[in-house]
Amino acid sequence: MSEASGSESAPVRTIPRGTYRVSDSSRVDFADALEVWVPLARERLIEVAGEYHGVVTHAALAARVQGLSGIRTRWAVSKWIGWLLEGVAKSLEPSEPPLTSLCVHHDGTMGRLYPQTGTPPAGTDVETYAAEHRLLCYQRYATDLPAGGGVAALTPQVVARRTPKSSKREEPEPDRCPVHHTSLPASGQCDYCEMA
């Protein structure tokens, strides 16, 4: 504001680059943010495991931990979600199921970001491998598990992508009258040309 107005403007709060505390915009070291986020992510993944065939996207998990903690980052989720999931994987006890299998890309895939300590056996499809791990989570935590213990399942998006599209039988384009541009009957003679 100008000096002539006699009033002073309030200081403008700027959000620091990188990771920061929402309450006062103070900078937070990313490693410190992860220490806060990992237990929150683990808790959320256990909640997700409580619903048979439940999954959560990277974006939704990232929003949840940032919202609950009051610590946010300006980095794109794709740049740091792997570190968060790796932290969750490392926090698990040996007897716990692999909770990180419940966190998927927006398209329902695991992709190369599946940070389990063990890697799938050679030739194993990572999506099927993760589905088997998700089943272990549901068997431990799901309240709606069907009788018999349930089945491992790919996400609906992966199933849709892998299901061959039903091909319509292509009907040949009917012959058309060059004068009237109508479809010709089986006789091959245009009904309108015959009337002329």
Protein backbone atom coordinates (compact mmCIF):
# COMPACT_ATOMS: atom_id res chain seq x y z
CA MET A 1 0.00 0.00 0.00
CA SER A 2 1.14 3.53 -0.50
CA GLU A 3 2.41 5.65 2.38
CA ALA A 4 -0.39 8.14 1.72
CA SER A 5 -3.04 5.61 2.74
CA GLY A 6 -1.62 5.41 6.24
CA SER A 7 -2.21 1.66 6.62
CA GLU A 8 0.34 -1.07 6.41
CA SER A 9 -0.34 -4.36 4.70
CA ALA A 10 0.07 -7.64 6.55
CA PRO A 11 3.23 -9.55 5.70
CA VAL A 12 2.72 -12.02 2.88
CA ARG A 13 3.32 -15.62 3.90
CA THR A 14 5.23 -17.50 1.28
CA ILE A 15 5.20 -21.25 1.01
CA PRO A 16 8.74 -22.60 0.93
CA ARG A 17 9.87 -24.77 -1.91
CA GLY A 18 9.80 -28.50 -1.34
CA THR A 19 8.31 -29.85 1.87
CA TYR A 20 6.72 -27.63 4.51
CA ARG A 21 4.46 -27.51 7.58
CA VAL A 22 1.03 -26.13 6.66
CA SER A 23 0.47 -24.37 10.02
CA ASP A 24 3.39 -21.95 9.71
CA SER A 25 4.90 -22.62 6.24
CA SER A 26 8.16 -23.68 7.87
CA ARG A 27 10.45 -25.90 5.86
CA VAL A 28 10.49 -29.61 6.79
CA ASP A 29 13.29 -31.93 5.80
CA PHE A 30 11.86 -34.59 3.49
CA ALA A 31 13.34 -37.44 5.55
CA ASP A 32 11.55 -36.03 8.62
CA ALA A 33 8.30 -35.83 6.67
CA LEU A 34 8.65 -39.48 5.68
CA GLU A 35 9.08 -40.46 9.33
CA VAL A 36 5.70 -38.88 10.04
CA TRP A 37 4.00 -40.13 6.86
CA VAL A 38 5.06 -43.81 6.99
CA PRO A 39 2.99 -44.76 10.09
CA LEU A 40 -0.01 -42.85 8.67
CA ALA A 41 0.32 -44.68 5.34
CA ARG A 42 0.63 -48.03 7.11
CA GLU A 43 -2.51 -47.29 9.13
CA ARG A 44 -4.42 -46.33 5.96
CA LEU A 45 -3.31 -49.48 4.14
CA ILE A 46 -4.57 -51.61 7.03
CA GLU A 47 -7.93 -49.81 6.72
CA VAL A 48 -7.98 -50.54 2.98
CA ALA A 49 -7.17 -54.21 3.66
CA GLY A 50 -10.29 -54.31 5.82
CA GLU A 51 -12.40 -54.34 2.66
CA TYR A 52 -12.12 -57.43 0.45
CA HIS A 53 -10.55 -56.43 -2.89
CA GLY A 54 -10.03 -52.87 -1.67
CA VAL A 55 -7.16 -50.80 -3.08
CA VAL A 56 -6.04 -47.18 -2.78
CA THR A 57 -4.33 -45.06 -5.41
CA HIS A 58 -0.96 -43.42 -4.96
CA ALA A 59 -2.61 -39.98 -5.16
CA ALA A 60 -5.25 -40.81 -2.54
CA LEU A 61 -2.67 -42.23 -0.12
CA ALA A 62 -0.40 -39.21 -0.64
CA ALA A 63 -3.29 -36.81 0.00
CA ARG A 64 -4.26 -38.72 3.13
CA VAL A 65 -0.84 -38.67 4.79
CA GLN A 66 -0.25 -35.02 3.93
CA GLY A 67 -3.70 -34.01 5.18
CA LEU A 68 -3.44 -35.86 8.48
CA SER A 69 0.11 -34.79 9.21
CA GLY A 70 -0.16 -31.14 8.25
CA ILE A 71 3.06 -31.60 6.30
CA ARG A 72 2.90 -31.16 2.55
CA THR A 73 5.30 -31.29 -0.32
CA ARG A 74 5.26 -29.49 -3.62
CA TRP A 75 6.93 -32.46 -5.28
CA ALA A 76 4.79 -34.48 -7.67
CA VAL A 77 3.44 -37.63 -6.01
CA SER A 78 5.19 -39.78 -8.62
CA LYS A 79 8.54 -38.40 -7.41
CA TRP A 80 8.18 -39.53 -3.78
CA ILE A 81 5.45 -42.17 -3.39
CA GLY A 82 8.00 -44.94 -3.93
CA TRP A 83 9.98 -43.76 -0.90
CA LEU A 84 6.81 -43.70 1.19
CA LEU A 85 5.83 -47.24 0.15
CA GLU A 86 9.38 -48.47 0.68
CA GLY A 87 9.25 -47.04 4.20
CA VAL A 88 5.98 -48.88 4.85
CA ALA A 89 7.45 -52.14 3.49
CA LYS A 90 10.47 -51.78 5.79
CA SER A 91 8.26 -51.07 8.81
CA LEU A 92 6.36 -54.36 8.50
CA GLU A 93 7.01 -57.24 10.86
CA PRO A 94 7.97 -60.53 9.14
CA SER A 95 4.57 -61.99 10.07
CA GLU A 96 2.64 -59.11 8.46
CA PRO A 97 1.26 -59.31 4.92
CA PRO A 98 2.73 -57.00 2.24
CA LEU A 99 0.45 -53.99 2.69
CA THR A 100 2.08 -52.00 -0.10
CA SER A 101 0.40 -54.34 -2.60
CA LEU A 102 -2.82 -52.43 -1.84
CA CYS A 103 -1.51 -49.15 -3.29
CA VAL A 104 -1.87 -48.86 -7.06
CA HIS A 105 -1.43 -46.35 -9.87
CA HIS A 106 -4.52 -44.41 -10.97
CA ASP A 107 -4.99 -47.03 -13.72
CA GLY A 108 -5.11 -49.90 -11.21
CA THR A 109 -1.65 -51.27 -12.02
CA MET A 110 1.30 -51.92 -9.75
CA GLY A 111 3.87 -51.20 -12.37
CA ARG A 112 7.53 -51.17 -11.47
CA LEU A 113 6.87 -49.33 -8.22
CA TYR A 114 6.11 -52.41 -6.17
CA PRO A 115 8.81 -52.12 -3.48
CA GLN A 116 8.56 -55.45 -1.75
CA THR A 117 11.79 -56.79 -0.33
CA GLY A 118 11.50 -59.90 -2.48
CA THR A 119 11.09 -59.71 -6.20
CA PRO A 120 8.69 -61.87 -8.16
CA PRO A 121 10.15 -65.13 -9.46
CA ALA A 122 11.42 -64.86 -13.01
CA GLY A 123 8.60 -64.92 -15.53
CA THR A 124 5.98 -63.96 -12.93
CA ASP A 125 3.54 -61.23 -13.86
CA VAL A 126 3.87 -58.41 -11.29
CA GLU A 127 0.11 -57.74 -11.36
CA THR A 128 -0.69 -61.37 -10.50
CA TYR A 129 2.06 -61.40 -7.88
CA ALA A 130 0.62 -58.28 -6.23
CA ALA A 131 -2.92 -59.73 -6.38
CA GLU A 132 -1.68 -62.76 -4.43
CA HIS A 133 -0.11 -60.41 -1.87
CA ARG A 134 -3.33 -58.39 -1.60
CA LEU A 135 -5.22 -61.61 -0.83
CA LEU A 136 -2.89 -62.18 2.14
CA CYS A 137 -3.79 -58.69 3.39
CA TYR A 138 -7.52 -59.31 3.03
CA GLN A 139 -7.23 -62.66 4.77
CA ARG A 140 -5.62 -60.91 7.71
CA TYR A 141 -7.73 -57.75 7.95
CA ALA A 142 -10.93 -57.92 5.84
CA THR A 143 -14.21 -57.96 7.69
CA ASP A 144 -16.13 -59.04 4.58
CA LEU A 145 -13.92 -61.94 3.45
CA PRO A 146 -16.03 -64.61 1.73
CA ALA A 147 -16.23 -68.18 2.98
CA GLY A 148 -13.25 -70.17 1.82
CA GLY A 149 -10.80 -67.29 2.25
CA GLY A 150 -11.41 -65.41 -1.00
CA VAL A 151 -9.42 -65.36 -4.21
CA ALA A 152 -6.57 -63.30 -5.54
CA ALA A 153 -7.86 -60.80 -8.07
CA LEU A 154 -6.45 -58.24 -10.44
CA THR A 155 -7.90 -54.74 -10.13
CA PRO A 156 -10.96 -54.10 -12.32
CA GLN A 157 -8.93 -51.77 -14.56
CA VAL A 158 -6.27 -54.42 -15.21
CA VAL A 159 -8.96 -57.03 -15.91
CA ALA A 160 -10.63 -54.67 -18.38
CA ARG A 161 -7.32 -53.96 -20.11
CA ARG A 162 -6.49 -57.66 -20.40
CA THR A 163 -9.92 -58.83 -21.53
CA PRO A 164 -10.09 -59.06 -25.31
CA LYS A 165 -12.65 -56.73 -26.75
CA SER A 166 -15.59 -58.56 -28.26
CA SER A 167 -15.24 -57.95 -31.92
CA LYS A 168 -18.42 -57.17 -33.76
CA ARG A 169 -18.83 -59.16 -36.89
CA GLU A 170 -18.03 -56.76 -39.64
CA GLU A 171 -20.90 -56.66 -42.07
CA PRO A 172 -19.87 -55.76 -45.58
CA GLU A 173 -20.99 -52.34 -46.72
CA PRO A 174 -24.11 -52.80 -48.89
CA ASP A 175 -23.92 -51.93 -52.58
CA ARG A 176 -25.49 -48.57 -53.36
CA CYS A 177 -27.35 -47.24 -56.37
CA PRO A 178 -25.08 -44.75 -58.15
CA VAL A 179 -28.08 -42.57 -59.05
CA HIS A 180 -30.24 -42.62 -55.89
CA HIS A 181 -27.51 -43.52 -53.36
CA THR A 182 -29.76 -46.07 -51.66
CA SER A 183 -28.81 -49.57 -50.58
CA LEU A 184 -29.51 -52.10 -53.29
CA PRO A 185 -31.78 -55.05 -52.50
CA ALA A 186 -30.64 -58.65 -52.96
CA SER A 187 -31.72 -58.50 -56.63
CA GLY A 188 -29.06 -55.86 -57.28
CA GLN A 189 -31.61 -53.59 -59.02
CA CYS A 190 -32.51 -50.24 -57.46
CA ASP A 191 -36.25 -50.15 -56.68
CA TYR A 192 -36.42 -46.47 -57.65
CA CYS A 193 -34.62 -47.03 -60.99
CA GLU A 194 -37.10 -49.80 -61.84
CA MET A 195 -40.04 -47.43 -61.20
CA ALA A 196 -38.70 -44.86 -63.65
